[in-house]
Protein backbone atom coordinates (compact mmCIF):
# COMPACT_ATOMS: atom_id res chain seq x y z
CA UNK A 1 45.45 51.26 258.08
CA UNK A 2 42.81 51.60 255.28
CA UNK A 3 41.46 48.31 255.73
CA UNK A 4 41.02 49.06 259.50
CA UNK A 5 39.06 52.48 258.45
CA UNK A 6 36.14 50.04 256.39
CA UNK A 7 35.95 47.67 259.10
CA UNK A 8 33.10 49.68 260.71
CA UNK A 9 31.02 49.16 257.76
CA UNK A 10 29.08 46.46 258.33
CA UNK A 11 28.76 45.51 254.86
CA UNK A 12 29.64 46.81 251.28
CA UNK A 13 26.39 48.17 250.32
CA UNK A 14 25.88 50.55 253.39
CA UNK A 15 29.38 51.99 251.95
CA UNK A 16 28.00 52.00 248.65
CA UNK A 17 24.46 54.01 250.21
CA UNK A 18 26.99 56.18 251.90
CA UNK A 19 29.36 57.18 249.13
CA UNK A 20 25.64 57.94 246.82
CA UNK A 21 24.55 60.18 249.37
CA UNK A 22 27.38 61.94 249.66
CA UNK A 23 28.16 62.56 246.36
CA UNK A 24 28.10 66.60 245.13
CA UNK A 25 25.93 65.29 241.36
CA UNK A 26 22.81 63.65 241.35
CA UNK A 27 22.66 60.38 240.80
CA UNK A 28 19.39 58.94 239.66
CA UNK A 29 18.83 54.81 239.30
CA UNK A 30 16.51 53.80 236.71
CA UNK A 31 15.62 49.98 235.92
CA UNK A 32 15.13 48.59 232.40
CA UNK A 33 11.52 49.87 232.09
CA UNK A 34 12.95 53.03 233.22
CA UNK A 35 11.47 53.25 236.62
CA UNK A 36 13.40 55.44 239.12
CA UNK A 37 14.34 53.21 241.98
CA UNK A 38 16.85 55.28 243.69
CA UNK A 39 17.86 58.82 243.82
CA UNK A 40 20.62 60.73 246.34
CA UNK A 41 19.78 64.22 248.41
CA UNK A 42 21.63 66.17 245.35
CA UNK A 43 18.90 64.65 242.86
CA UNK A 44 15.99 65.88 245.65
CA UNK A 45 17.61 69.24 245.48
CA UNK A 46 18.61 69.42 242.12
CA UNK A 47 15.07 68.86 240.80
CA UNK A 48 12.58 70.00 243.78
CA UNK A 49 11.03 66.30 244.47
CA UNK A 50 11.94 64.29 247.46
CA UNK A 51 12.73 60.83 246.70
CA UNK A 52 9.46 59.46 247.77
CA UNK A 53 7.84 61.41 245.06
CA UNK A 54 10.28 60.11 242.39
CA UNK A 55 10.77 56.12 243.14
CA UNK A 56 8.47 54.30 241.19
CA UNK A 57 8.02 57.42 238.77
CA UNK A 58 9.02 57.28 234.86
CA UNK A 59 12.48 58.94 234.87
CA UNK A 60 10.55 61.20 231.83
CA UNK A 61 9.43 63.35 234.76
CA UNK A 62 13.00 64.81 234.92
CA UNK A 63 13.15 65.68 231.45
CA UNK A 64 10.80 68.69 229.94
CA UNK A 65 8.24 67.45 227.56
CA UNK A 66 9.72 68.44 224.04
CA UNK A 67 12.53 65.70 224.73
CA UNK A 68 9.81 63.39 226.10
CA UNK A 69 8.76 61.77 223.13
CA UNK A 70 12.26 60.15 221.53
CA UNK A 71 13.63 59.48 225.35
CA UNK A 72 11.91 55.75 225.74
CA UNK A 73 13.61 54.59 222.42
CA UNK A 74 16.82 56.35 223.26
CA UNK A 75 16.60 54.70 226.59
CA UNK A 76 16.19 51.24 225.12
CA UNK A 77 18.82 51.99 222.96
CA UNK A 78 21.25 52.43 225.43
CA UNK A 79 20.37 49.52 227.82
CA UNK A 80 20.96 47.21 224.66
CA UNK A 81 24.74 48.63 224.00
CA UNK A 82 25.16 48.90 227.87
CA UNK A 83 28.38 50.93 228.31
CA UNK A 84 29.30 53.64 230.33
CA UNK A 85 29.01 57.22 228.16
CA UNK A 86 27.91 60.85 228.31
CA UNK A 87 24.28 60.94 227.19
CA UNK A 88 23.58 63.14 224.36
CA UNK A 89 26.41 62.90 221.91
CA UNK A 90 27.09 66.42 221.79
CA UNK A 91 23.38 67.99 221.89
CA UNK A 92 22.71 70.50 224.53
CA UNK A 93 20.80 68.44 227.48
CA UNK A 94 18.13 69.59 229.87
CA UNK A 95 16.50 69.06 233.22
CA UNK A 96 13.18 69.63 234.53
CA UNK A 97 12.72 71.15 238.07
CA UNK A 98 9.06 70.18 239.93
CA UNK A 99 8.55 74.12 239.49
CA UNK A 100 8.44 73.61 235.68
CA UNK A 101 11.76 75.31 235.07
CA UNK A 102 14.21 73.56 232.52
CA UNK A 103 18.08 74.10 233.34
CA UNK A 104 20.87 72.70 230.99
CA UNK A 105 22.61 69.56 232.63
CA UNK A 106 25.74 67.11 232.23
CA UNK A 107 24.38 63.39 232.02
CA UNK A 108 26.55 60.77 232.32
CA UNK A 109 25.26 56.66 231.98
CA UNK A 110 26.69 53.81 233.52
CA UNK A 111 25.03 49.99 233.01
CA UNK A 112 24.72 48.16 236.55
CA UNK A 113 24.04 44.23 235.80
CA UNK A 114 22.61 42.55 238.05
CA UNK A 115 21.55 38.63 237.76
CA UNK A 116 18.08 38.29 238.99
CA UNK A 117 16.64 41.76 238.20
CA UNK A 118 18.42 42.43 234.73
CA UNK A 119 19.81 45.76 234.10
CA UNK A 120 19.88 49.02 235.32
CA UNK A 121 20.99 52.38 234.15
CA UNK A 122 22.59 54.75 237.01
CA UNK A 123 22.76 58.77 235.69
CA UNK A 124 25.40 60.92 237.35
CA UNK A 125 23.52 64.66 236.65
CA UNK A 126 25.52 67.58 236.92
CA UNK A 127 23.74 71.42 236.81
CA UNK A 128 26.01 73.16 234.72
CA UNK A 129 23.53 76.41 234.59
CA UNK A 130 26.47 78.54 236.23
CA UNK A 131 28.95 77.33 233.41
CA UNK A 132 26.53 77.78 230.35
CA UNK A 133 25.60 81.47 232.04
CA UNK A 134 29.76 82.15 232.00
CA UNK A 135 29.54 80.45 228.40
CA UNK A 136 26.88 82.96 227.40
CA UNK A 137 28.73 85.82 228.87
CA UNK A 138 31.66 85.19 226.96
CA UNK A 139 30.32 84.81 224.28
CA UNK A 140 27.84 88.20 224.14
CA UNK A 141 31.64 89.89 224.59
CA UNK A 142 32.97 88.28 221.69
CA UNK A 143 29.97 89.25 219.90
CA UNK A 144 30.33 92.78 221.41
CA UNK A 145 34.08 93.14 220.58
CA UNK A 146 35.00 96.01 218.20
CA UNK A 147 37.88 93.90 217.03
CA UNK A 148 37.41 91.16 214.67
CA UNK A 149 37.64 87.73 216.72
CA UNK A 150 38.55 84.63 214.75
CA UNK A 151 39.62 81.39 216.84
CA UNK A 152 41.36 78.37 214.74
CA UNK A 153 42.07 74.93 215.46
CA UNK A 154 45.69 73.19 215.82
CA UNK A 155 45.40 72.72 212.11
CA UNK A 156 44.33 76.15 211.34
CA UNK A 157 40.61 75.64 210.40
CA UNK A 158 38.19 78.26 211.84
CA UNK A 159 35.69 77.36 214.21
CA UNK A 160 34.57 80.58 215.54
CA UNK A 161 34.14 84.40 214.36
CA UNK A 162 31.91 87.09 215.63
CA UNK A 163 29.89 90.00 213.60
CA UNK A 164 32.78 92.44 213.29
CA UNK A 165 34.66 89.68 211.56
CA UNK A 166 31.97 89.13 209.44
CA UNK A 167 32.17 92.85 208.43
CA UNK A 168 35.88 93.22 208.51
CA UNK A 169 36.44 90.41 205.71
CA UNK A 170 32.88 90.60 204.04
CA UNK A 171 31.65 86.63 204.54
CA UNK A 172 28.55 85.34 206.50
CA UNK A 173 30.36 83.13 209.20
CA UNK A 174 28.69 80.04 207.57
CA UNK A 175 31.17 80.45 204.64
CA UNK A 176 34.39 81.04 207.02
CA UNK A 177 33.57 78.24 209.82
CA UNK A 178 35.62 75.11 208.39
CA UNK A 179 37.38 76.98 206.10
CA UNK A 180 41.62 77.32 206.51
CA UNK A 181 42.69 80.68 208.13
CA UNK A 182 44.58 81.56 204.91
CA UNK A 183 41.54 82.77 203.40
CA UNK A 184 41.66 85.82 204.91
CA UNK A 185 45.61 85.88 204.27
CA UNK A 186 46.58 87.83 200.92
CA UNK A 187 47.51 85.41 198.40
CA UNK A 188 51.36 86.66 198.50
CA UNK A 189 51.53 85.96 202.30
CA UNK A 190 49.68 82.51 202.24
CA UNK A 191 52.68 80.09 201.09
CA UNK A 192 54.80 81.37 204.38
CA UNK A 193 51.34 81.27 207.15
CA UNK A 194 50.97 77.80 208.17
CA UNK A 195 54.86 77.31 208.89
CA UNK A 196 54.36 80.73 210.98
CA UNK A 197 51.31 78.99 212.58
CA UNK A 198 53.32 75.83 213.20
CA UNK A 199 56.34 77.91 214.59
CA UNK A 200 53.58 79.80 217.07
CA UNK A 201 51.64 76.43 218.37
CA UNK A 202 55.20 74.82 219.20
CA UNK A 203 56.25 78.31 221.31
CA UNK A 204 52.82 79.33 222.05
CA UNK A 205 52.25 82.53 224.10
CA UNK A 206 50.08 85.98 224.20
CA UNK A 207 51.71 88.07 221.42
CA UNK A 208 51.44 90.35 218.82
CA UNK A 209 51.58 88.93 215.34
CA UNK A 210 54.31 90.11 212.51
CA UNK A 211 56.90 91.58 214.90
CA UNK A 212 57.33 94.92 213.26
CA UNK A 213 55.94 93.54 209.61
CA UNK A 214 52.96 95.31 208.03
CA UNK A 215 50.43 92.61 208.07
CA UNK A 216 47.10 92.81 205.58
CA UNK A 217 43.97 91.27 205.55
CA UNK A 218 41.90 90.38 202.78
CA UNK A 219 38.34 91.36 202.11
CA UNK A 220 35.87 88.56 200.08
CA UNK A 221 35.74 91.31 197.57
CA UNK A 222 40.02 91.03 196.59
CA UNK A 223 40.60 94.15 198.76
CA UNK A 224 43.54 94.09 200.87
CA UNK A 225 43.69 96.14 204.08
CA UNK A 226 46.08 96.74 207.15
CA UNK A 227 45.52 95.40 210.12
CA UNK A 228 46.85 94.69 213.88
CA UNK A 229 46.45 91.24 215.10
CA UNK A 230 46.72 89.69 218.40
CA UNK A 231 47.36 85.70 219.51
CA UNK A 232 46.40 84.21 222.58
CA UNK A 233 46.60 80.54 222.67
CA UNK A 234 43.95 78.26 224.59
CA UNK A 235 45.12 74.60 225.78
CA UNK A 236 42.56 72.05 225.74
CA UNK A 237 41.72 68.55 225.61
CA UNK A 238 41.57 68.34 221.76
CA UNK A 239 44.95 70.38 221.26
CA UNK A 240 46.02 74.33 220.90
CA UNK A 241 43.28 76.89 220.04
CA UNK A 242 44.37 80.08 218.85
CA UNK A 243 42.03 83.48 219.27
CA UNK A 244 43.22 86.03 217.06
CA UNK A 245 41.82 89.62 217.61
CA UNK A 246 42.11 91.78 214.39
CA UNK A 247 42.02 95.13 214.25
CA UNK A 248 41.36 97.23 210.71
CA UNK A 249 43.80 100.20 210.96
CA UNK A 250 43.22 101.72 207.49
CA UNK A 251 42.39 104.72 209.38
CA UNK A 252 45.62 104.89 211.63
CA UNK A 253 47.32 104.45 208.73
CA UNK A 254 45.94 107.24 206.35
CA UNK A 255 46.30 109.48 209.38
CA UNK A 256 49.80 108.36 210.13
CA UNK A 257 50.87 108.93 206.38
CA UNK A 258 48.95 112.12 206.51
CA UNK A 259 50.79 113.13 210.07
CA UNK A 260 54.27 112.16 208.48
CA UNK A 261 53.60 114.14 205.22
CA UNK A 262 52.74 117.45 207.56
CA UNK A 263 55.99 116.54 209.74
CA UNK A 264 58.05 116.44 206.17
CA UNK A 265 56.56 120.11 205.44
CA UNK A 266 56.76 121.30 208.72
CA UNK A 267 60.81 120.20 208.61
CA UNK A 268 61.43 121.27 205.41
CA UNK A 269 59.83 124.60 206.43
CA UNK A 270 61.62 125.04 209.56
CA UNK A 271 64.89 124.17 207.59
CA UNK A 272 64.26 127.11 205.34
CA UNK A 273 63.37 129.87 207.91
CA UNK A 274 66.81 128.47 209.70
CA UNK A 275 68.86 128.54 206.63
CA UNK A 276 67.17 132.11 205.71
CA UNK A 277 68.39 133.49 209.27
CA UNK A 278 71.60 131.85 209.08
CA UNK A 279 72.34 133.35 205.86
CA UNK A 280 70.89 136.82 206.90
CA UNK A 281 72.80 136.73 209.57
CA UNK A 282 76.35 136.17 207.91
CA UNK A 283 75.23 139.09 205.88
CA UNK A 284 75.18 141.31 208.71
CA UNK A 285 78.41 139.87 209.79
CA UNK A 286 80.03 140.67 206.61
CA UNK A 287 78.66 144.11 206.39
CA UNK A 288 80.07 144.91 209.77
CA UNK A 289 83.33 143.55 208.58
CA UNK A 290 83.65 145.67 205.61
CA UNK A 291 82.28 148.55 207.65
CA UNK A 292 85.03 147.97 210.22
CA UNK A 293 87.98 148.15 207.49
CA UNK A 294 86.77 151.75 206.15
CA UNK A 295 87.48 153.58 209.69
CA UNK A 296 90.65 154.01 211.81
CA UNK A 297 89.71 155.08 214.70
CA UNK A 298 90.28 152.25 217.32
CA UNK A 299 87.72 152.68 219.23
CA UNK A 300 84.85 152.23 216.64
CA UNK A 301 86.88 149.10 215.08
CA UNK A 302 86.55 147.51 218.64
CA UNK A 303 82.83 148.32 218.83
CA UNK A 304 82.48 146.64 215.37
CA UNK A 305 84.33 143.60 215.80
CA UNK A 306 82.80 143.24 219.26
CA UNK A 307 79.47 143.46 217.58
CA UNK A 308 80.49 141.28 214.10
CA UNK A 309 81.27 138.40 216.98
CA UNK A 310 77.82 138.61 218.85
CA UNK A 311 76.31 138.51 215.40
CA UNK A 312 78.68 135.23 214.89
CA UNK A 313 77.54 133.92 217.77
CA UNK A 314 73.68 134.02 216.88
CA UNK A 315 74.71 132.50 213.46
CA UNK A 316 76.81 129.73 214.95
CA UNK A 317 73.46 128.78 217.16
CA UNK A 318 71.30 128.51 214.05
CA UNK A 319 74.20 127.07 211.95
CA UNK A 320 74.15 123.84 214.40
CA UNK A 321 70.74 123.75 214.71
CA UNK A 322 70.52 123.76 210.79
CA UNK A 323 72.62 120.56 210.93
CA UNK A 324 70.89 118.82 214.10
CA UNK A 325 68.16 116.44 213.81
CA UNK A 326 66.08 118.47 215.87
CA UNK A 327 65.10 121.92 215.08
CA UNK A 328 64.38 122.68 219.15
CA UNK A 329 67.52 122.12 220.74
CA UNK A 330 71.22 122.71 220.21
CA UNK A 331 74.02 120.68 220.78
CA UNK A 332 75.69 123.31 222.77
CA UNK A 333 78.91 121.75 223.45
CA UNK A 334 79.43 121.85 219.58
CA UNK A 335 78.66 125.77 219.64
CA UNK A 336 81.23 126.21 222.61
CA UNK A 337 84.00 124.68 220.67
CA UNK A 338 83.52 126.54 217.71
CA UNK A 339 82.64 130.08 219.29
CA UNK A 340 85.73 129.65 221.56
CA UNK A 341 88.05 129.14 218.13
CA UNK A 342 85.96 131.65 216.89
CA UNK A 343 86.74 134.40 219.18
CA UNK A 344 90.56 133.32 219.36
CA UNK A 345 90.88 133.73 215.58
CA UNK A 346 89.17 137.18 215.96
CA UNK A 347 91.54 138.53 218.85
CA UNK A 348 94.90 137.51 217.54
CA UNK A 349 97.63 138.05 218.20
CA UNK A 350 96.56 138.89 221.68
CA UNK A 351 95.59 135.44 222.28
CA UNK A 352 98.90 133.65 220.81
CA UNK A 353 99.68 132.76 224.84
CA UNK A 354 96.05 131.85 225.73
CA UNK A 355 94.70 128.45 226.15
CA UNK A 356 91.55 126.93 226.68
CA UNK A 357 89.94 123.85 228.24
CA UNK A 358 86.40 123.03 227.45
CA UNK A 359 85.00 120.35 229.70
CA UNK A 360 81.11 119.73 228.61
CA UNK A 361 78.38 117.30 229.31
CA UNK A 362 76.48 116.24 225.81
CA UNK A 363 73.46 118.66 226.73
CA UNK A 364 70.38 119.85 224.28
CA UNK A 365 69.25 123.47 225.13
CA UNK A 366 66.20 124.74 223.69
CA UNK A 367 66.23 127.30 220.90
CA UNK A 368 64.94 129.81 223.67
CA UNK A 369 67.65 129.69 226.09
CA UNK A 370 70.42 128.70 223.53
CA UNK A 371 70.43 132.20 221.78
CA UNK A 372 70.82 134.41 225.43
CA UNK A 373 73.07 131.68 226.78
CA UNK A 374 75.57 131.95 223.43
CA UNK A 375 75.35 135.79 223.45
CA UNK A 376 76.22 135.52 227.23
CA UNK A 377 79.03 132.84 226.45
CA UNK A 378 80.27 135.47 224.08
CA UNK A 379 80.52 138.30 226.18
CA UNK A 380 82.12 136.62 229.27
CA UNK A 381 85.13 135.17 226.56
CA UNK A 382 85.76 137.81 225.22
CA UNK A 383 85.93 139.84 228.43
CA UNK A 384 88.68 137.32 229.63
CA UNK A 385 90.37 137.16 226.60
CA UNK A 386 90.42 141.00 226.28
CA UNK A 387 91.42 142.03 230.14
CA UNK A 388 92.69 138.67 232.25
CA UNK A 389 96.01 138.27 230.41
CA UNK A 390 97.18 141.89 229.71
CA UNK A 391 100.53 142.51 227.87
CA UNK A 392 102.67 139.19 227.63
CA UNK A 393 100.84 137.23 229.71
CA UNK A 394 99.87 133.85 229.29
CA UNK A 395 97.22 131.67 230.88
CA UNK A 396 94.21 129.28 230.44
CA UNK A 397 90.39 130.05 230.00
CA UNK A 398 88.15 126.81 231.46
CA UNK A 399 84.57 126.67 230.10
CA UNK A 400 82.41 123.63 232.23
CA UNK A 401 78.87 122.87 231.01
CA UNK A 402 77.26 120.39 233.14
CA UNK A 403 73.90 119.32 234.89
CA UNK A 404 73.68 121.11 238.21
CA UNK A 405 70.42 118.42 238.99
CA UNK A 406 67.54 117.50 237.50
CA UNK A 407 65.96 120.71 236.42
CA UNK A 408 68.92 123.00 236.40
CA UNK A 409 72.32 123.11 234.38
CA UNK A 410 75.38 125.07 234.98
CA UNK A 411 77.84 126.98 232.90
CA UNK A 412 81.09 128.25 234.25
CA UNK A 413 83.61 130.48 232.15
CA UNK A 414 86.62 130.72 234.21
CA UNK A 415 90.45 132.19 233.63
CA UNK A 416 93.49 132.37 235.82
CA UNK A 417 94.57 135.52 234.70
CA UNK A 418 94.83 138.57 236.57
CA UNK A 419 91.50 138.59 238.74
CA UNK A 420 88.45 141.41 239.03
CA UNK A 421 89.11 144.58 241.12
CA UNK A 422 87.41 144.90 244.45
CA UNK A 423 85.34 148.13 243.67
CA UNK A 424 84.36 146.93 240.40
CA UNK A 425 80.27 146.28 240.33
CA UNK A 426 79.06 144.32 237.55
CA UNK A 427 75.14 145.82 238.01
CA UNK A 428 76.81 149.47 237.78
CA UNK A 429 79.15 148.82 234.76
CA UNK A 430 79.27 151.34 232.05
CA UNK A 431 80.56 148.54 229.82
CA UNK A 432 77.83 147.36 226.88
CA UNK A 433 79.01 143.92 226.92
CA UNK A 434 78.49 143.24 230.95
CA UNK A 435 75.44 144.90 230.70
CA UNK A 436 74.22 142.39 228.27
CA UNK A 437 75.47 139.95 230.93
CA UNK A 438 73.22 141.19 233.27
CA UNK A 439 70.30 141.46 230.73
CA UNK A 440 70.59 138.01 229.20
CA UNK A 441 71.39 136.16 232.62
CA UNK A 442 68.07 137.65 233.96
CA UNK A 443 66.43 136.68 230.36
CA UNK A 444 66.97 132.78 230.98
CA UNK A 445 66.56 132.69 234.90
CA UNK A 446 70.06 132.29 235.43
CA UNK A 447 71.72 132.66 239.14
CA UNK A 448 75.26 134.44 238.51
CA UNK A 449 77.99 134.30 240.82
CA UNK A 450 81.49 136.37 240.15
CA UNK A 451 84.62 135.00 242.10
CA UNK A 452 87.13 137.78 241.76
CA UNK A 453 90.16 135.88 241.71
CA UNK A 454 92.22 132.77 241.69
CA UNK A 455 90.79 131.86 239.68
CA UNK A 456 88.05 134.58 238.21
CA UNK A 457 84.98 132.74 237.42
CA UNK A 458 81.80 133.59 236.20
CA UNK A 459 78.99 130.83 237.08
CA UNK A 460 75.29 130.99 235.72
CA UNK A 461 72.73 128.30 237.08
CA UNK A 462 70.06 128.20 234.82
CA UNK A 463 66.60 125.84 234.16
CA UNK A 464 66.70 123.40 231.73
CA UNK A 465 63.39 124.88 229.82
CA UNK A 466 61.39 127.56 230.19
């Protein structure tokens, strides 16, 4: 199939001509004297001349004036060595447009040997203006970066830094280029760094350096300073380069230390406040207990005992809060267990046949809800203990605390006692305990539902936060 494709060409020279014309790169051939003997259409577009204007002219017509003086000598040297290679040996090369404008180029040289006319030189020319512009923009971006930018080769030698790096480390860039990256690392970390660098090159990927360890840079003055470092591998034909982005976090570290000190001071203050509140409530509890021992009227003793239990309920919340890691929220499941045990002890022996069943999710409730909710629970449990099981009746009081939905919680206090009479109206009750239930429900924006019997239950649905 391939041989048939080329049968339409009358001779190889026609094939070569068409290939040269179709090339997207400029192609210019000169003789041994440097005269242009051939150009393609891409060269016409590149330099702005027609081929008739170029044929027979010296190749120097396409070279900026500042480079022309040395070009004949370089051209003769190349003809003597006569091998394919790039032109320039790392130097920046430029072409000259007909309008006088210079533009950056890359040039590949290829010797063409003939028997009769000697050696010709075929130059393949690529306009790299777009690439140079992109490189310039990248350079400007790197220079303008507020972070230190350091690029190293696969041996760990510094090959590029930006101005921020100079400011961070106190070196001029000429002092850093060609030096090992370890000059920027404290002496205490240098011995391990080459091995860490090799490990990164073997498993290179974009990531932060240090994996949670504190990192430090070393200033030229010998002073160490805290840094964050991001590593970016760059694959090239000459091996993997590493671009490190370096941020001085001295100010942030100082602010973190100040914040930690302030938080510690706040924790100590809150701890002291909760400790004092708890102690004061315990003193009130003790005073009420002592007072109840000096009176003999059963009604007065009941009032003092109920008041004492209310104080204990608030003290218990502060005790649990004091033992918590979070001074803003109460572990309410722990509170329920402690409160119910305390109430059962307070009303012995009447509670000897009363069992309790507690089912709660692990829920933390804000302190502004916990105190009124704790008092609510105290009143409802007290009411069940005192009135649900008259005489020698036995039974069970059950408490459930659950997530109702994403924004609300549900608490239910139920019992299998004698129930609530049909003529009972909680909104017009004369008892202080149930009046408190109404007021406290409103305080925490709770929806209160009462089921009178089989089982008797008080259900509150309330927001997780106010």
